């Protein structure tokens, strides 16, 4: 099942508003059931079945120059091709099928002037320029920063950071955070800054909110004893070695 454009402005067109209701539906039926060249094989029986009202060839007096009679039993919607496809090009597979139907029906249509085609191409070029700066779904493509860019940005947010170390660290990880590709290196710099602020106080001493302090506070709150340090463990082993054994 193929899909087509529909003219939303038809509801503001006095011509369409003044059509009798059955012929409003017939016009829409014709636009949906014609082929890609805009040619409708006249079938009033089918039209009346789907519309639910009688319609006849008197439709021509309502549609006027919007419809042109081809061979007996075939009506051409004159502006259909221009509305659906614009300027046709033999380079497009879809357009080639339309051109084939036009030749089959021996239809002569007024194609857009060359200037109009140039305008369309210029629009495409503008869109392409925009798309080259974006990735899938319009997201900004990631660009690997230089150490100078990293250091400069860090300085702008009052953060002392070695841009070279930052770049080397993420280069060794393939510029990934976990298993996901990095999307914003500036956000990573801000994260580094936040972690450093959690670990160190402004005077450079270890902050009470460091990871170790937080862990100790949680253990105390849970009523857990501090685990022995490595020095305490070694001292205990030495004491055991000094205990005399029974003979």
Protein backbone atom coordinates (compact mmCIF):
# COMPACT_ATOMS: atom_id res chain seq x y z
CA UNK A 1 0.00 0.00 0.00
CA UNK A 2 1.57 3.27 -1.13
CA UNK A 3 1.08 6.68 0.47
CA UNK A 4 0.61 10.10 -1.10
CA UNK A 5 0.68 13.75 -0.17
CA UNK A 6 -2.66 15.41 0.51
CA UNK A 7 -3.46 19.09 0.05
CA UNK A 8 -4.41 20.38 3.51
CA UNK A 9 -5.22 23.80 2.04
CA UNK A 10 -8.14 22.44 0.03
CA UNK A 11 -10.41 23.16 2.99
CA UNK A 12 -9.66 26.87 2.55
CA UNK A 13 -10.25 26.78 -1.21
CA UNK A 14 -13.69 28.27 -2.09
CA UNK A 15 -13.89 25.90 -5.07
CA UNK A 16 -13.63 22.82 -2.84
CA UNK A 17 -15.90 24.22 -0.12
CA UNK A 18 -18.66 24.89 -2.67
CA UNK A 19 -18.66 21.36 -4.07
CA UNK A 20 -21.69 19.22 -3.21
CA UNK A 21 -20.68 16.73 -0.47
CA UNK A 22 -20.72 13.65 -2.75
CA UNK A 23 -18.38 15.38 -5.18
CA UNK A 24 -16.01 16.43 -2.43
CA UNK A 25 -15.68 12.71 -1.66
CA UNK A 26 -15.40 11.83 -5.36
CA UNK A 27 -12.50 14.25 -5.76
CA UNK A 28 -10.68 12.67 -2.85
CA UNK A 29 -11.50 9.18 -4.17
CA UNK A 30 -10.03 10.08 -7.57
CA UNK A 31 -6.85 11.52 -6.02
CA UNK A 32 -6.38 8.31 -4.03
CA UNK A 33 -7.25 5.83 -6.79
CA UNK A 34 -5.54 7.37 -9.82
CA UNK A 35 -2.17 6.05 -10.96
CA UNK A 36 1.10 7.93 -10.46
CA UNK A 37 0.53 9.91 -13.64
CA UNK A 38 -2.73 11.28 -12.19
CA UNK A 39 -4.91 9.20 -14.52
CA UNK A 40 -8.13 7.74 -13.06
CA UNK A 41 -9.88 4.88 -14.81
CA UNK A 42 -13.48 6.03 -14.52
CA UNK A 43 -15.49 3.66 -12.31
CA UNK A 44 -18.60 5.30 -10.90
CA UNK A 45 -19.92 1.99 -9.54
CA UNK A 46 -16.89 1.65 -7.24
CA UNK A 47 -16.97 5.35 -6.37
CA UNK A 48 -20.66 5.20 -5.37
CA UNK A 49 -20.04 2.05 -3.33
CA UNK A 50 -17.31 3.66 -1.22
CA UNK A 51 -18.83 7.15 -1.08
CA UNK A 52 -22.34 5.93 -0.24
CA UNK A 53 -24.00 8.45 -2.57
CA UNK A 54 -24.72 8.67 -6.30
CA UNK A 55 -22.11 10.43 -8.47
CA UNK A 56 -22.08 10.80 -12.24
CA UNK A 57 -20.27 12.42 -15.14
CA UNK A 58 -21.81 15.74 -14.13
CA UNK A 59 -18.73 15.87 -11.88
CA UNK A 60 -16.94 17.39 -14.88
CA UNK A 61 -18.97 20.57 -14.58
CA UNK A 62 -17.76 20.91 -10.97
CA UNK A 63 -14.14 19.90 -11.54
CA UNK A 64 -13.76 22.03 -14.70
CA UNK A 65 -10.11 22.49 -15.78
CA UNK A 66 -8.86 20.40 -12.87
CA UNK A 67 -9.76 17.31 -14.89
CA UNK A 68 -8.98 16.53 -18.52
CA UNK A 69 -10.65 13.70 -20.46
CA UNK A 70 -8.18 11.39 -22.19
CA UNK A 71 -9.37 8.30 -24.03
CA UNK A 72 -12.96 7.28 -23.25
CA UNK A 73 -13.09 6.06 -19.66
CA UNK A 74 -9.91 7.84 -18.46
CA UNK A 75 -9.72 11.17 -16.65
CA UNK A 76 -6.50 13.08 -15.96
CA UNK A 77 -6.11 15.15 -12.78
CA UNK A 78 -4.10 17.93 -14.40
CA UNK A 79 -2.03 19.13 -11.42
CA UNK A 80 -1.50 15.74 -9.79
CA UNK A 81 2.05 15.04 -11.00
CA UNK A 82 3.29 18.55 -10.22
CA UNK A 83 1.82 18.37 -6.69
CA UNK A 84 3.07 14.86 -5.87
CA UNK A 85 6.49 14.85 -7.55
CA UNK A 86 7.45 18.36 -8.65
CA UNK A 87 10.09 18.47 -11.40
CA UNK A 88 10.52 14.97 -12.84
CA UNK A 89 14.00 13.59 -13.42
CA UNK A 90 15.03 10.54 -15.41
CA UNK A 91 17.69 9.84 -12.74
CA UNK A 92 15.05 8.92 -10.15
CA UNK A 93 13.64 5.35 -10.33
CA UNK A 94 10.27 6.59 -9.05
CA UNK A 95 10.18 9.43 -11.54
CA UNK A 96 11.08 7.05 -14.34
CA UNK A 97 7.98 4.99 -13.54
CA UNK A 98 5.87 8.17 -13.64
CA UNK A 99 7.40 9.20 -16.97
CA UNK A 100 6.63 5.74 -18.32
CA UNK A 101 2.96 6.11 -17.36
CA UNK A 102 2.84 9.58 -18.90
CA UNK A 103 4.17 8.15 -22.16
CA UNK A 104 1.70 5.26 -21.96
CA UNK A 105 -1.26 7.63 -21.60
CA UNK A 106 0.20 10.06 -24.15
CA UNK A 107 -0.13 12.87 -21.65
CA UNK A 108 1.41 16.28 -22.25
CA UNK A 109 2.10 18.09 -18.98
CA UNK A 110 3.58 21.55 -18.33
CA UNK A 111 6.79 20.78 -16.42
CA UNK A 112 8.40 23.34 -14.10
CA UNK A 113 10.82 25.75 -15.69
CA UNK A 114 14.59 25.07 -15.40
CA UNK A 115 14.94 27.90 -12.89
CA UNK A 116 12.56 26.09 -10.55
CA UNK A 117 14.67 22.92 -10.76
CA UNK A 118 17.80 24.91 -9.89
CA UNK A 119 16.07 26.31 -6.80
CA UNK A 120 15.19 22.81 -5.66
CA UNK A 121 18.81 21.68 -6.10
CA UNK A 122 20.03 24.67 -4.09
CA UNK A 123 17.67 23.70 -1.26
CA UNK A 124 19.03 20.16 -1.32
CA UNK A 125 22.59 21.51 -1.08
CA UNK A 126 21.66 23.58 1.99
CA UNK A 127 20.07 20.53 3.65
CA UNK A 128 23.14 18.43 2.87
CA UNK A 129 25.40 21.04 4.49
CA UNK A 130 23.28 20.88 7.63
CA UNK A 131 23.22 17.08 7.63
CA UNK A 132 27.01 16.81 7.40
CA UNK A 133 27.23 18.42 10.83
CA UNK A 134 24.75 16.01 12.38
CA UNK A 135 24.56 12.28 12.90
CA UNK A 136 21.62 9.91 13.14
CA UNK A 137 18.36 11.47 14.41
CA UNK A 138 19.85 14.95 14.19
CA UNK A 139 22.29 14.48 17.07
CA UNK A 140 25.55 16.41 16.92
CA UNK A 141 28.47 14.30 15.72
CA UNK A 142 31.28 13.84 18.21
CA UNK A 143 34.61 15.44 17.34
CA UNK A 144 37.77 14.43 19.24
CA UNK A 145 39.14 17.52 21.03
CA UNK A 146 42.76 18.60 21.13
CA UNK A 147 44.60 18.86 24.48
CA UNK A 148 44.63 22.64 24.05
CA UNK A 149 40.84 22.74 23.63
CA UNK A 150 40.37 20.62 26.75
CA UNK A 151 42.72 22.77 28.86
CA UNK A 152 41.13 25.96 27.57
CA UNK A 153 37.60 24.78 28.36
CA UNK A 154 38.64 23.53 31.81
CA UNK A 155 40.18 26.93 32.56
CA UNK A 156 36.95 28.65 31.50
CA UNK A 157 35.08 26.74 34.25
CA UNK A 158 37.81 27.36 36.84
CA UNK A 159 39.18 23.83 36.70
CA UNK A 160 42.89 23.07 36.45
CA UNK A 161 43.21 20.10 34.11
CA UNK A 162 45.99 18.68 31.95
CA UNK A 163 44.35 18.41 28.53
CA UNK A 164 46.99 15.93 27.37
CA UNK A 165 46.26 13.49 30.20
CA UNK A 166 42.53 13.81 29.58
CA UNK A 167 42.91 13.05 25.87
CA UNK A 168 45.35 10.18 26.49
CA UNK A 169 42.98 8.63 29.04
CA UNK A 170 39.98 8.57 26.72
CA UNK A 171 42.03 7.74 23.62
CA UNK A 172 43.13 4.56 25.39
CA UNK A 173 39.46 3.71 25.86
CA UNK A 174 38.49 4.44 22.28
CA UNK A 175 36.75 7.64 23.39
CA UNK A 176 34.09 5.66 25.20
CA UNK A 177 32.47 6.10 28.58
CA UNK A 178 31.80 2.58 29.74
CA UNK A 179 30.55 0.78 26.63
CA UNK A 180 28.95 3.85 25.05
CA UNK A 181 30.67 6.25 22.64
CA UNK A 182 31.38 9.67 24.11
CA UNK A 183 28.92 12.29 22.88
CA UNK A 184 30.12 15.44 24.68
CA UNK A 185 33.71 15.80 25.91
CA UNK A 186 32.86 19.04 27.69
CA UNK A 187 30.38 17.15 29.83
CA UNK A 188 33.18 14.69 30.67
CA UNK A 189 35.42 17.58 31.76
CA UNK A 190 32.65 18.89 34.01
CA UNK A 191 32.27 15.39 35.49
CA UNK A 192 36.00 15.28 36.27
CA UNK A 193 35.70 18.67 37.93
CA UNK A 194 32.76 17.53 40.04
CA UNK A 195 34.59 14.39 41.20
CA UNK A 196 37.64 16.38 42.21
CA UNK A 197 35.50 18.82 44.20
CA UNK A 198 33.93 15.87 46.04
CA UNK A 199 37.33 14.43 46.94
CA UNK A 200 39.31 17.56 47.83
CA UNK A 201 38.54 20.68 49.82
CA UNK A 202 39.33 24.11 48.33
CA UNK A 203 42.66 24.21 50.23
CA UNK A 204 43.77 20.95 48.58
CA UNK A 205 43.26 18.77 51.64
CA UNK A 206 41.10 15.66 51.46
CA UNK A 207 37.46 16.59 51.86
CA UNK A 208 35.27 15.04 54.51
CA UNK A 209 32.91 14.15 51.70
CA UNK A 210 35.52 12.03 49.94
CA UNK A 211 34.69 8.47 49.00
CA UNK A 212 36.58 7.03 52.00
CA UNK A 213 34.86 9.35 54.48
CA UNK A 214 31.44 8.56 53.03
CA UNK A 215 32.11 4.81 53.27
CA UNK A 216 33.22 5.13 56.89
CA UNK A 217 30.13 7.17 57.78
CA UNK A 218 27.87 4.54 56.22
CA UNK A 219 29.56 1.72 58.15
CA UNK A 220 29.26 3.61 61.43
CA UNK A 221 25.59 4.37 60.77
CA UNK A 222 24.99 0.67 60.19
CA UNK A 223 26.78 -0.22 63.45
CA UNK A 224 29.61 -2.00 61.66
CA UNK A 225 33.13 -2.06 62.99
CA UNK A 226 35.97 -0.70 60.91
CA UNK A 227 37.81 -3.48 59.10
CA UNK A 228 41.42 -3.91 60.27
CA UNK A 229 44.07 -2.16 58.28
CA UNK A 230 46.86 -4.04 56.53
CA UNK A 231 49.29 -2.94 59.27
CA UNK A 232 47.01 -4.31 61.97
CA UNK A 233 46.72 -7.63 60.17
CA UNK A 234 50.52 -7.96 59.84
CA UNK A 235 51.00 -7.05 63.52
CA UNK A 236 48.53 -9.74 64.53
CA UNK A 237 50.39 -12.33 62.47
CA UNK A 238 53.69 -11.39 64.13
CA UNK A 239 52.14 -11.68 67.59
CA UNK A 240 50.91 -15.18 66.75
CA UNK A 241 54.39 -16.18 65.66
CA UNK A 242 55.82 -15.01 69.02
CA UNK A 243 53.43 -17.18 71.05
CA UNK A 244 55.37 -20.28 72.35
CA UNK A 245 53.93 -23.62 71.36
CA UNK A 246 53.35 -26.47 73.82
CA UNK A 247 56.03 -29.18 73.83
